[in-house]
Amino acid sequence: MRQLKLLLAAIVLLGTMPCWGKPIDLRGQWKHKKSIEIKLPMDASIEEAGGELVINFHEDLGDVRIIVTSSTGEVIYNEKVQTSTMLSLVIPFNEQGQGMLQITDGFNNVYGEF
């Protein structure tokens, strides 16, 4: 019975982790309104199998703007999202090649190239 529970837990954990995603190295800083610098409260990856950009928010950051540009500078995605209601954002990204992701709230700015 215990082995079955461990097996089911492992299956659930594998299902929640992106297995084929290429992580995006995010740079920049994100400070709370109290000017306390914290570890980045989000991560991002490119799912190679489905061609999707996945952004995970680890805490409520309020309203943030997500901007995705191609290697030629063309804006592919530009939306403001509310992170209190959205823990994960999936953006279809069929472009082959490189691009840039930017996450900002107007004060903080995080970016990463892929």
PDB file of N, CA and C in Angstrom:
ATOM      1  N   MET A   1       0.820  -1.192   0.000  1.00  0.00           N
ATOM      2  CA  MET A   1       0.000   0.000   0.000  1.00  0.00           C
ATOM      3  C   MET A   1       0.870   1.265   0.000  1.00  0.00           C
ATOM      4  N   ARG A   2       1.938   1.234   0.800  1.00  0.00           N
ATOM      5  CA  ARG A   2       2.814   2.397   0.874  1.00  0.00           C
ATOM      6  C   ARG A   2       3.522   2.623  -0.467  1.00  0.00           C
ATOM      7  N   GLN A   3       3.944   1.539  -1.116  1.00  0.00           N
ATOM      8  CA  GLN A   3       4.602   1.674  -2.407  1.00  0.00           C
ATOM      9  C   GLN A   3       3.647   2.253  -3.447  1.00  0.00           C
ATOM     10  N   LEU A   4       2.389   1.875  -3.377  1.00  0.00           N
ATOM     11  CA  LEU A   4       1.398   2.419  -4.301  1.00  0.00           C
ATOM     12  C   LEU A   4       1.232   3.924  -4.099  1.00  0.00           C
ATOM     13  N   LYS A   5       1.205   4.367  -2.847  1.00  0.00           N
ATOM     14  CA  LYS A   5       1.085   5.793  -2.555  1.00  0.00           C
ATOM     15  C   LYS A   5       2.310   6.550  -3.071  1.00  0.00           C
ATOM     16  N   LEU A   6       3.501   5.983  -2.884  1.00  0.00           N
ATOM     17  CA  LEU A   6       4.709   6.631  -3.376  1.00  0.00           C
ATOM     18  C   LEU A   6       4.714   6.699  -4.898  1.00  0.00           C
ATOM     19  N   LEU A   7       4.273   5.634  -5.537  1.00  0.00           N
ATOM     20  CA  LEU A   7       4.197   5.612  -6.993  1.00  0.00           C
ATOM     21  C   LEU A   7       3.212   6.654  -7.509  1.00  0.00           C
ATOM     22  N   LEU A   8       2.052   6.758  -6.884  1.00  0.00           N
ATOM     23  CA  LEU A   8       1.061   7.753  -7.295  1.00  0.00           C
ATOM     24  C   LEU A   8       1.578   9.172  -7.063  1.00  0.00           C
ATOM     25  N   ALA A   9       2.273   9.398  -5.972  1.00  0.00           N
ATOM     26  CA  ALA A   9       2.844  10.723  -5.707  1.00  0.00           C
ATOM     27  C   ALA A   9       3.890  11.076  -6.758  1.00  0.00           C
ATOM     28  N   ALA A  10       4.717  10.101  -7.147  1.00  0.00           N
ATOM     29  CA  ALA A  10       5.737  10.348  -8.170  1.00  0.00           C
ATOM     30  C   ALA A  10       5.092  10.673  -9.514  1.00  0.00           C
ATOM     31  N   ILE A  11       4.022   9.981  -9.851  1.00  0.00           N
ATOM     32  CA  ILE A  11       3.322  10.236 -11.109  1.00  0.00           C
ATOM     33  C   ILE A  11       2.717  11.633 -11.114  1.00  0.00           C
ATOM     34  N   VAL A  12       2.122  12.040 -10.001  1.00  0.00           N
ATOM     35  CA  VAL A  12       1.536  13.378  -9.909  1.00  0.00           C
ATOM     36  C   VAL A  12       2.614  14.439 -10.042  1.00  0.00           C
ATOM     37  N   LEU A  13       3.752  14.258  -9.381  1.00  0.00           N
ATOM     38  CA  LEU A  13       4.838  15.232  -9.461  1.00  0.00           C
ATOM     39  C   LEU A  13       5.409  15.313 -10.869  1.00  0.00           C
ATOM     40  N   LEU A  14       5.549  14.195 -11.541  1.00  0.00           N
ATOM     41  CA  LEU A  14       6.048  14.211 -12.915  1.00  0.00           C
ATOM     42  C   LEU A  14       5.076  14.901 -13.850  1.00  0.00           C
ATOM     43  N   GLY A  15       3.794  14.786 -13.579  1.00  0.00           N
ATOM     44  CA  GLY A  15       2.794  15.428 -14.409  1.00  0.00           C
ATOM     45  C   GLY A  15       2.767  16.931 -14.258  1.00  0.00           C
ATOM     46  N   THR A  16       3.213  17.439 -13.113  1.00  0.00           N
ATOM     47  CA  THR A  16       3.184  18.886 -12.891  1.00  0.00           C
ATOM     48  C   THR A  16       4.466  19.567 -13.317  1.00  0.00           C
ATOM     49  N   MET A  17       5.534  18.826 -13.523  1.00  0.00           N
ATOM     50  CA  MET A  17       6.809  19.411 -13.924  1.00  0.00           C
ATOM     51  C   MET A  17       6.940  19.380 -15.441  1.00  0.00           C
ATOM     52  N   PRO A  18       7.404  20.469 -16.036  1.00  0.00           N
ATOM     53  CA  PRO A  18       7.620  20.426 -17.485  1.00  0.00           C
ATOM     54  C   PRO A  18       8.816  19.537 -17.803  1.00  0.00           C
ATOM     55  N   CYS A  19       8.559  18.413 -18.447  1.00  0.00           N
ATOM     56  CA  CYS A  19       9.611  17.438 -18.719  1.00  0.00           C
ATOM     57  C   CYS A  19      10.482  17.835 -19.904  1.00  0.00           C
ATOM     58  N   TRP A  20       9.907  18.498 -20.878  1.00  0.00           N
ATOM     59  CA  TRP A  20      10.636  18.791 -22.092  1.00  0.00           C
ATOM     60  C   TRP A  20      10.886  20.284 -22.257  1.00  0.00           C
ATOM     61  N   GLY A  21      10.717  21.027 -21.201  1.00  0.00           N
ATOM     62  CA  GLY A  21      10.875  22.472 -21.299  1.00  0.00           C
ATOM     63  C   GLY A  21      12.320  22.918 -21.228  1.00  0.00           C
ATOM     64  N   LYS A  22      12.638  23.924 -22.003  1.00  0.00           N
ATOM     65  CA  LYS A  22      13.959  24.539 -21.975  1.00  0.00           C
ATOM     66  C   LYS A  22      13.832  25.795 -21.111  1.00  0.00           C
ATOM     67  N   PRO A  23      14.462  25.827 -19.934  1.00  0.00           N
ATOM     68  CA  PRO A  23      14.290  26.990 -19.061  1.00  0.00           C
ATOM     69  C   PRO A  23      14.887  28.255 -19.657  1.00  0.00           C
ATOM     70  N   ILE A  24      14.270  29.373 -19.335  1.00  0.00           N
ATOM     71  CA  ILE A  24      14.751  30.684 -19.758  1.00  0.00           C
ATOM     72  C   ILE A  24      15.435  31.324 -18.559  1.00  0.00           C
ATOM     73  N   ASP A  25      16.669  31.742 -18.739  1.00  0.00           N
ATOM     74  CA  ASP A  25      17.429  32.384 -17.672  1.00  0.00           C
ATOM     75  C   ASP A  25      16.937  33.821 -17.525  1.00  0.00           C
ATOM     76  N   LEU A  26      16.152  34.068 -16.473  1.00  0.00           N
ATOM     77  CA  LEU A  26      15.616  35.398 -16.242  1.00  0.00           C
ATOM     78  C   LEU A  26      16.620  36.238 -15.476  1.00  0.00           C
ATOM     79  N   ARG A  27      16.833  37.467 -15.914  1.00  0.00           N
ATOM     80  CA  ARG A  27      17.746  38.400 -15.259  1.00  0.00           C
ATOM     81  C   ARG A  27      16.989  39.656 -14.871  1.00  0.00           C
ATOM     82  N   GLY A  28      17.542  40.374 -13.940  1.00  0.00           N
ATOM     83  CA  GLY A  28      16.908  41.582 -13.452  1.00  0.00           C
ATOM     84  C   GLY A  28      16.645  41.451 -11.973  1.00  0.00           C
ATOM     85  N   GLN A  29      15.842  42.336 -11.447  1.00  0.00           N
ATOM     86  CA  GLN A  29      15.518  42.252 -10.029  1.00  0.00           C
ATOM     87  C   GLN A  29      14.049  42.556  -9.824  1.00  0.00           C
ATOM     88  N   TRP A  30      13.529  42.030  -8.732  1.00  0.00           N
ATOM     89  CA  TRP A  30      12.144  42.255  -8.383  1.00  0.00           C
ATOM     90  C   TRP A  30      12.121  42.592  -6.906  1.00  0.00           C
ATOM     91  N   LYS A  31      11.643  43.781  -6.568  1.00  0.00           N
ATOM     92  CA  LYS A  31      11.595  44.224  -5.181  1.00  0.00           C
ATOM     93  C   LYS A  31      10.149  44.383  -4.750  1.00  0.00           C
ATOM     94  N   HIS A  32       9.909  44.076  -3.474  1.00  0.00           N
ATOM     95  CA  HIS A  32       8.595  44.355  -2.907  1.00  0.00           C
ATOM     96  C   HIS A  32       8.456  45.855  -2.732  1.00  0.00           C
ATOM     97  N   LYS A  33       7.281  46.303  -2.478  1.00  0.00           N
ATOM     98  CA  LYS A  33       7.046  47.727  -2.312  1.00  0.00           C
ATOM     99  C   LYS A  33       7.837  48.303  -1.135  1.00  0.00           C
ATOM    100  N   LYS A  34       8.295  47.447  -0.227  1.00  0.00           N
ATOM    101  CA  LYS A  34       9.084  47.890   0.912  1.00  0.00           C
ATOM    102  C   LYS A  34      10.566  47.962   0.562  1.00  0.00           C
ATOM    103  N   SER A  35      10.915  47.840  -0.730  1.00  0.00           N
ATOM    104  CA  SER A  35      12.297  47.896  -1.225  1.00  0.00           C
ATOM    105  C   SER A  35      13.163  46.759  -0.690  1.00  0.00           C
ATOM    106  N   ILE A  36      12.569  45.599  -0.481  1.00  0.00           N
ATOM    107  CA  ILE A  36      13.321  44.426  -0.066  1.00  0.00           C
ATOM    108  C   ILE A  36      13.554  43.582  -1.309  1.00  0.00           C
ATOM    109  N   GLU A  37      14.807  43.366  -1.655  1.00  0.00           N
ATOM    110  CA  GLU A  37      15.109  42.563  -2.837  1.00  0.00           C
ATOM    111  C   GLU A  37      14.860  41.089  -2.507  1.00  0.00           C
ATOM    112  N   ILE A  38      14.186  40.393  -3.392  1.00  0.00           N
ATOM    113  CA  ILE A  38      13.857  38.991  -3.179  1.00  0.00           C
ATOM    114  C   ILE A  38      14.322  38.178  -4.375  1.00  0.00           C
ATOM    115  N   LYS A  39      14.359  36.871  -4.182  1.00  0.00           N
ATOM    116  CA  LYS A  39      14.629  35.973  -5.300  1.00  0.00           C
ATOM    117  C   LYS A  39      13.479  36.114  -6.291  1.00  0.00           C
ATOM    118  N   LEU A  40      13.763  35.941  -7.568  1.00  0.00           N
ATOM    119  CA  LEU A  40      12.730  36.146  -8.583  1.00  0.00           C
ATOM    120  C   LEU A  40      11.496  35.296  -8.285  1.00  0.00           C
ATOM    121  N   PRO A  41      10.322  35.927  -8.221  1.00  0.00           N
ATOM    122  CA  PRO A  41       9.093  35.215  -7.881  1.00  0.00           C
ATOM    123  C   PRO A  41       8.404  34.583  -9.088  1.00  0.00           C
ATOM    124  N   MET A  42       9.174  34.315 -10.146  1.00  0.00           N
ATOM    125  CA  MET A  42       8.610  33.669 -11.324  1.00  0.00           C
ATOM    126  C   MET A  42       9.705  32.900 -12.047  1.00  0.00           C
ATOM    127  N   ASP A  43       9.287  31.969 -12.888  1.00  0.00           N
ATOM    128  CA  ASP A  43      10.222  31.291 -13.773  1.00  0.00           C
ATOM    129  C   ASP A  43       9.536  31.102 -15.113  1.00  0.00           C
ATOM    130  N   ALA A  44      10.329  30.830 -16.131  1.00  0.00           N
ATOM    131  CA  ALA A  44       9.781  30.689 -17.477  1.00  0.00           C
ATOM    132  C   ALA A  44      10.547  29.604 -18.224  1.00  0.00           C
ATOM    133  N   SER A  45       9.863  28.961 -19.160  1.00  0.00           N
ATOM    134  CA  SER A  45      10.503  27.945 -19.991  1.00  0.00           C
ATOM    135  C   SER A  45       9.777  27.853 -21.323  1.00  0.00           C
ATOM    136  N   ILE A  46      10.474  27.303 -22.300  1.00  0.00           N
ATOM    137  CA  ILE A  46       9.898  27.036 -23.621  1.00  0.00           C
ATOM    138  C   ILE A  46       9.647  25.536 -23.696  1.00  0.00           C
ATOM    139  N   GLU A  47       8.409  25.150 -23.915  1.00  0.00           N
ATOM    140  CA  GLU A  47       8.067  23.751 -24.106  1.00  0.00           C
ATOM    141  C   GLU A  47       8.372  23.398 -25.551  1.00  0.00           C
ATOM    142  N   GLU A  48       9.416  22.615 -25.755  1.00  0.00           N
ATOM    143  CA  GLU A  48       9.877  22.313 -27.106  1.00  0.00           C
ATOM    144  C   GLU A  48       8.879  21.466 -27.886  1.00  0.00           C
ATOM    145  N   ALA A  49       8.189  20.572 -27.200  1.00  0.00           N
ATOM    146  CA  ALA A  49       7.266  19.683 -27.899  1.00  0.00           C
ATOM    147  C   ALA A  49       6.054  20.436 -28.444  1.00  0.00           C
ATOM    148  N   GLY A  50       5.495  21.341 -27.649  1.00  0.00           N
ATOM    149  CA  GLY A  50       4.286  22.047 -28.063  1.00  0.00           C
ATOM    150  C   GLY A  50       4.538  23.440 -28.588  1.00  0.00           C
ATOM    151  N   GLY A  51       5.755  23.929 -28.483  1.00  0.00           N
ATOM    152  CA  GLY A  51       6.065  25.276 -28.936  1.00  0.00           C
ATOM    153  C   GLY A  51       5.354  26.337 -28.125  1.00  0.00           C
ATOM    154  N   GLU A  52       5.345  26.172 -26.797  1.00  0.00           N
ATOM    155  CA  GLU A  52       4.662  27.120 -25.931  1.00  0.00           C
ATOM    156  C   GLU A  52       5.642  27.753 -24.957  1.00  0.00           C
ATOM    157  N   LEU A  53       5.399  28.997 -24.625  1.00  0.00           N
ATOM    158  CA  LEU A  53       6.152  29.706 -23.605  1.00  0.00           C
ATOM    159  C   LEU A  53       5.329  29.619 -22.322  1.00  0.00           C
ATOM    160  N   VAL A  54       5.921  29.078 -21.253  1.00  0.00           N
ATOM    161  CA  VAL A  54       5.212  28.891 -19.986  1.00  0.00           C
ATOM    162  C   VAL A  54       5.869  29.763 -18.923  1.00  0.00           C
ATOM    163  N   ILE A  55       5.061  30.603 -18.270  1.00  0.00           N
ATOM    164  CA  ILE A  55       5.533  31.458 -17.189  1.00  0.00           C
ATOM    165  C   ILE A  55       4.784  31.061 -15.931  1.00  0.00           C
ATOM    166  N   ASN A  56       5.514  30.727 -14.868  1.00  0.00           N
ATOM    167  CA  ASN A  56       4.932  30.350 -13.584  1.00  0.00           C
ATOM    168  C   ASN A  56       5.202  31.460 -12.576  1.00  0.00           C
ATOM    169  N   PHE A  57       4.151  31.912 -11.896  1.00  0.00           N
ATOM    170  CA  PHE A  57       4.277  32.926 -10.856  1.00  0.00           C
ATOM    171  C   PHE A  57       4.204  32.226  -9.504  1.00  0.00           C
ATOM    172  N   HIS A  58       5.202  32.471  -8.645  1.00  0.00           N
ATOM    173  CA  HIS A  58       5.277  31.801  -7.355  1.00  0.00           C
ATOM    174  C   HIS A  58       4.587  32.571  -6.240  1.00  0.00           C
ATOM    175  N   GLU A  59       4.169  33.800  -6.529  1.00  0.00           N
ATOM    176  CA  GLU A  59       3.425  34.594  -5.552  1.00  0.00           C
ATOM    177  C   GLU A  59       2.641  35.672  -6.290  1.00  0.00           C
ATOM    178  N   ASP A  60       1.741  36.311  -5.559  1.00  0.00           N
ATOM    179  CA  ASP A  60       0.918  37.372  -6.127  1.00  0.00           C
ATOM    180  C   ASP A  60       1.768  38.625  -6.299  1.00  0.00           C
ATOM    181  N   LEU A  61       1.924  39.072  -7.533  1.00  0.00           N
ATOM    182  CA  LEU A  61       2.706  40.262  -7.838  1.00  0.00           C
ATOM    183  C   LEU A  61       1.822  41.421  -8.279  1.00  0.00           C
ATOM    184  N   GLY A  62       0.509  41.229  -8.254  1.00  0.00           N
ATOM    185  CA  GLY A  62      -0.406  42.252  -8.741  1.00  0.00           C
ATOM    186  C   GLY A  62      -0.470  42.225 -10.254  1.00  0.00           C
ATOM    187  N   ASP A  63      -0.683  43.381 -10.854  1.00  0.00           N
ATOM    188  CA  ASP A  63      -0.730  43.484 -12.313  1.00  0.00           C
ATOM    189  C   ASP A  63       0.684  43.543 -12.871  1.00  0.00           C
ATOM    190  N   VAL A  64       0.992  42.658 -13.813  1.00  0.00           N
ATOM    191  CA  VAL A  64       2.287  42.688 -14.498  1.00  0.00           C
ATOM    192  C   VAL A  64       2.048  42.668 -15.998  1.00  0.00           C
ATOM    193  N   ARG A  65       2.941  43.256 -16.733  1.00  0.00           N
ATOM    194  CA  ARG A  65       2.872  43.246 -18.192  1.00  0.00           C
ATOM    195  C   ARG A  65       3.870  42.223 -18.712  1.00  0.00           C
ATOM    196  N   ILE A  66       3.406  41.365 -19.602  1.00  0.00           N
ATOM    197  CA  ILE A  66       4.222  40.344 -20.247  1.00  0.00           C
ATOM    198  C   ILE A  66       4.414  40.767 -21.699  1.00  0.00           C
ATOM    199  N   ILE A  67       5.674  40.894 -22.115  1.00  0.00           N
ATOM    200  CA  ILE A  67       5.984  41.277 -23.494  1.00  0.00           C
ATOM    201  C   ILE A  67       6.929  40.232 -24.081  1.00  0.00           C
ATOM    202  N   VAL A  68       6.549  39.669 -25.215  1.00  0.00           N
ATOM    203  CA  VAL A  68       7.389  38.703 -25.921  1.00  0.00           C
ATOM    204  C   VAL A  68       7.695  39.291 -27.285  1.00  0.00           C
ATOM    205  N   THR A  69       8.979  39.377 -27.620  1.00  0.00           N
ATOM    206  CA  THR A  69       9.389  39.891 -28.926  1.00  0.00           C
ATOM    207  C   THR A  69      10.223  38.842 -29.652  1.00  0.00           C
ATOM    208  N   SER A  70      10.157  38.879 -30.966  1.00  0.00           N
ATOM    209  CA  SER A  70      10.950  37.957 -31.779  1.00  0.00           C
ATOM    210  C   SER A  70      12.364  38.503 -31.933  1.00  0.00           C
ATOM    211  N   SER A  71      13.226  37.748 -32.588  1.00  0.00           N
ATOM    212  CA  SER A  71      14.610  38.177 -32.787  1.00  0.00           C
ATOM    213  C   SER A  71      14.698  39.399 -33.698  1.00  0.00           C
ATOM    214  N   THR A  72      13.663  39.646 -34.483  1.00  0.00           N
ATOM    215  CA  THR A  72      13.653  40.820 -35.359  1.00  0.00           C
ATOM    216  C   THR A  72      13.063  42.047 -34.668  1.00  0.00           C
ATOM    217  N   GLY A  73      12.596  41.897 -33.422  1.00  0.00           N
ATOM    218  CA  GLY A  73      12.030  43.019 -32.681  1.00  0.00           C
ATOM    219  C   GLY A  73      10.524  43.136 -32.781  1.00  0.00           C
ATOM    220  N   GLU A  74       9.895  42.226 -33.508  1.00  0.00           N
ATOM    221  CA  GLU A  74       8.442  42.238 -33.650  1.00  0.00           C
ATOM    222  C   GLU A  74       7.793  41.787 -32.333  1.00  0.00           C
ATOM    223  N   VAL A  75       6.804  42.548 -31.859  1.00  0.00           N
ATOM    224  CA  VAL A  75       6.097  42.193 -30.628  1.00  0.00           C
ATOM    225  C   VAL A  75       5.101  41.078 -30.949  1.00  0.00           C
ATOM    226  N   ILE A  76       5.299  39.944 -30.303  1.00  0.00           N
ATOM    227  CA  ILE A  76       4.452  38.780 -30.525  1.00  0.00           C
ATOM    228  C   ILE A  76       3.320  38.733 -29.507  1.00  0.00           C
ATOM    229  N   TYR A  77       3.597  39.153 -28.271  1.00  0.00           N
ATOM    230  CA  TYR A  77       2.615  39.105 -27.190  1.00  0.00           C
ATOM    231  C   TYR A  77       2.855  40.305 -26.294  1.00  0.00           C
ATOM    232  N   ASN A  78       1.798  41.028 -25.934  1.00  0.00           N
ATOM    233  CA  ASN A  78       1.897  42.185 -25.055  1.00  0.00           C
ATOM    234  C   ASN A  78       0.581  42.309 -24.305  1.00  0.00           C
ATOM    235  N   GLU A  79       0.537  41.781 -23.092  1.00  0.00           N
ATOM    236  CA  GLU A  79      -0.695  41.787 -22.297  1.00  0.00           C
ATOM    237  C   GLU A  79      -0.379  42.073 -20.838  1.00  0.00           C
ATOM    238  N   LYS A  80      -1.340  42.677 -20.156  1.00  0.00           N
ATOM    239  CA  LYS A  80      -1.255  42.863 -18.711  1.00  0.00           C
ATOM    240  C   LYS A  80      -2.054  41.738 -18.067  1.00  0.00           C
ATOM    241  N   VAL A  81      -1.454  41.058 -17.093  1.00  0.00           N
ATOM    242  CA  VAL A  81      -2.129  39.944 -16.425  1.00  0.00           C
ATOM    243  C   VAL A  81      -2.160  40.198 -14.923  1.00  0.00           C
ATOM    244  N   GLN A  82      -3.158  39.653 -14.266  1.00  0.00           N
ATOM    245  CA  GLN A  82      -3.308  39.752 -12.814  1.00  0.00           C
ATOM    246  C   GLN A  82      -2.801  38.449 -12.207  1.00  0.00           C
ATOM    247  N   THR A  83      -1.688  38.515 -11.494  1.00  0.00           N
ATOM    248  CA  THR A  83      -1.054  37.292 -10.983  1.00  0.00           C
ATOM    249  C   THR A  83      -1.762  36.718  -9.766  1.00  0.00           C
ATOM    250  N   SER A  84      -2.698  37.438  -9.177  1.00  0.00           N
ATOM    251  CA  SER A  84      -3.430  36.875  -8.039  1.00  0.00           C
ATOM    252  C   SER A  84      -4.408  35.804  -8.506  1.00  0.00           C
ATOM    253  N   THR A  85      -4.866  35.898  -9.745  1.00  0.00           N
ATOM    254  CA  THR A  85      -5.806  34.905 -10.276  1.00  0.00           C
ATOM    255  C   THR A  85      -5.156  33.949 -11.257  1.00  0.00           C
ATOM    256  N   MET A  86      -3.910  34.206 -11.621  1.00  0.00           N
ATOM    257  CA  MET A  86      -3.239  33.399 -12.640  1.00  0.00           C
ATOM    258  C   MET A  86      -1.880  32.942 -12.109  1.00  0.00           C
ATOM    259  N   LEU A  87      -1.768  31.657 -11.780  1.00  0.00           N
ATOM    260  CA  LEU A  87      -0.510  31.121 -11.275  1.00  0.00           C
ATOM    261  C   LEU A  87       0.438  30.750 -12.402  1.00  0.00           C
ATOM    262  N   SER A  88      -0.121  30.458 -13.568  1.00  0.00           N
ATOM    263  CA  SER A  88       0.685  30.041 -14.706  1.00  0.00           C
ATOM    264  C   SER A  88       0.086  30.627 -15.972  1.00  0.00           C
ATOM    265  N   LEU A  89       0.943  31.057 -16.873  1.00  0.00           N
ATOM    266  CA  LEU A  89       0.507  31.629 -18.138  1.00  0.00           C
ATOM    267  C   LEU A  89       1.173  30.849 -19.267  1.00  0.00           C
ATOM    268  N   VAL A  90       0.376  30.378 -20.213  1.00  0.00           N
ATOM    269  CA  VAL A  90       0.889  29.636 -21.365  1.00  0.00           C
ATOM    270  C   VAL A  90       0.624  30.467 -22.615  1.00  0.00           C
ATOM    271  N   ILE A  91       1.693  30.784 -23.334  1.00  0.00           N
ATOM    272  CA  ILE A  91       1.591  31.590 -24.548  1.00  0.00           C
ATOM    273  C   ILE A  91       2.003  30.719 -25.729  1.00  0.00           C
ATOM    274  N   PRO A  92       1.101  30.484 -26.692  1.00  0.00           N
ATOM    275  CA  PRO A  92       1.498  29.728 -27.881  1.00  0.00           C
ATOM    276  C   PRO A  92       2.608  30.482 -28.607  1.00  0.00           C
ATOM    277  N   PHE A  93       3.670  29.774 -28.905  1.00  0.00           N
ATOM    278  CA  PHE A  93       4.832  30.402 -29.521  1.00  0.00           C
ATOM    279  C   PHE A  93       5.356  29.462 -30.587  1.00  0.00           C
ATOM    280  N   ASN A  94       4.987  29.701 -31.805  1.00  0.00           N
ATOM    281  CA  ASN A  94       5.380  28.821 -32.905  1.00  0.00           C
ATOM    282  C   ASN A  94       6.597  29.315 -33.655  1.00  0.00           C
ATOM    283  N   GLU A  95       7.163  30.419 -33.226  1.00  0.00           N
ATOM    284  CA  GLU A  95       8.334  30.978 -33.901  1.00  0.00           C
ATOM    285  C   GLU A  95       9.549  30.085 -33.653  1.00  0.00           C
ATOM    286  N   GLN A  96      10.268  29.801 -34.693  1.00  0.00           N
ATOM    287  CA  GLN A  96      11.537  29.103 -34.560  1.00  0.00           C
ATOM    288  C   GLN A  96      12.618  30.166 -34.458  1.00  0.00           C
ATOM    289  N   GLY A  97      13.556  29.984 -33.589  1.00  0.00           N
ATOM    290  CA  GLY A  97      14.611  30.970 -33.450  1.00  0.00           C
ATOM    291  C   GLY A  97      14.605  31.593 -32.074  1.00  0.00           C
ATOM    292  N   GLN A  98      15.146  32.785 -31.995  1.00  0.00           N
ATOM    293  CA  GLN A  98      15.345  33.418 -30.712  1.00  0.00           C
ATOM    294  C   GLN A  98      14.326  34.523 -30.491  1.00  0.00           C
ATOM    295  N   GLY A  99      14.213  34.906 -29.240  1.00  0.00           N
ATOM    296  CA  GLY A  99      13.305  35.982 -28.876  1.00  0.00           C
ATOM    297  C   GLY A  99      13.654  36.490 -27.487  1.00  0.00           C
ATOM    298  N   MET A 100      12.809  37.384 -26.978  1.00  0.00           N
ATOM    299  CA  MET A 100      13.038  37.941 -25.657  1.00  0.00           C
ATOM    300  C   MET A 100      11.715  38.022 -24.901  1.00  0.00           C
ATOM    301  N   LEU A 101      11.782  37.699 -23.613  1.00  0.00           N
ATOM    302  CA  LEU A 101      10.646  37.790 -22.708  1.00  0.00           C
ATOM    303  C   LEU A 101      10.931  38.907 -21.719  1.00  0.00           C
ATOM    304  N   GLN A 102       9.953  39.768 -21.482  1.00  0.00           N
ATOM    305  CA  GLN A 102      10.084  40.828 -20.498  1.00  0.00           C
ATOM    306  C   GLN A 102       8.856  40.801 -19.602  1.00  0.00           C
ATOM    307  N   ILE A 103       9.092  40.876 -18.279  1.00  0.00           N
ATOM    308  CA  ILE A 103       8.019  40.923 -17.292  1.00  0.00           C
ATOM    309  C   ILE A 103       8.252  42.172 -16.453  1.00  0.00           C
ATOM    310  N   THR A 104       7.251  43.044 -16.382  1.00  0.00           N
ATOM    311  CA  THR A 104       7.419  44.287 -15.637  1.00  0.00           C
ATOM    312  C   THR A 104       6.114  44.685 -14.958  1.00  0.00           C
ATOM    313  N   ASP A 105       6.245  45.405 -13.853  1.00  0.00           N
ATOM    314  CA  ASP A 105       5.085  46.012 -13.202  1.00  0.00           C
ATOM    315  C   ASP A 105       5.191  47.533 -13.234  1.00  0.00           C
ATOM    316  N   GLY A 106       6.108  48.047 -14.021  1.00  0.00           N
ATOM    317  CA  GLY A 106       6.339  49.479 -14.107  1.00  0.00           C
ATOM    318  C   GLY A 106       7.493  49.941 -13.239  1.00  0.00           C
ATOM    319  N   PHE A 107       7.764  49.205 -12.174  1.00  0.00           N
ATOM    320  CA  PHE A 107       8.869  49.523 -11.269  1.00  0.00           C
ATOM    321  C   PHE A 107       9.965  48.469 -11.384  1.00  0.00           C
ATOM    322  N   ASN A 108       9.567  47.214 -11.365  1.00  0.00           N
ATOM    323  CA  ASN A 108      10.481  46.086 -11.488  1.00  0.00           C
ATOM    324  C   ASN A 108      10.514  45.635 -12.931  1.00  0.00           C
ATOM    325  N   ASN A 109      11.666  45.086 -13.350  1.00  0.00           N
ATOM    326  CA  ASN A 109      11.811  44.634 -14.731  1.00  0.00           C
ATOM    327  C   ASN A 109      12.667  43.371 -14.749  1.00  0.00           C
ATOM    328  N   VAL A 110      12.115  42.310 -15.308  1.00  0.00           N
ATOM    329  CA  VAL A 110      12.836  41.042 -15.457  1.00  0.00           C
ATOM    330  C   VAL A 110      12.782  40.670 -16.920  1.00  0.00           C
ATOM    331  N   TYR A 111      13.884  40.168 -17.442  1.00  0.00           N
ATOM    332  CA  TYR A 111      13.917  39.810 -18.858  1.00  0.00           C
ATOM    333  C   TYR A 111      14.740  38.552 -19.058  1.00  0.00           C
ATOM    334  N   GLY A 112      14.512  37.889 -20.155  1.00  0.00           N
ATOM    335  CA  GLY A 112      15.272  36.702 -20.504  1.00  0.00           C
ATOM    336  C   GLY A 112      15.227  36.460 -21.990  1.00  0.00           C
ATOM    337  N   GLU A 113      16.333  35.972 -22.521  1.00  0.00           N
ATOM    338  CA  GLU A 113      16.419  35.653 -23.943  1.00  0.00           C
ATOM    339  C   GLU A 113      16.261  34.149 -24.134  1.00  0.00           C
ATOM    340  N   PHE A 114      15.644  33.772 -25.224  1.00  0.00           N
ATOM    341  CA  PHE A 114      15.495  32.352 -25.547  1.00  0.00           C
ATOM    342  C   PHE A 114      15.720  32.134 -27.004  1.00  0.00           C
TER     343      PHE A 114
END
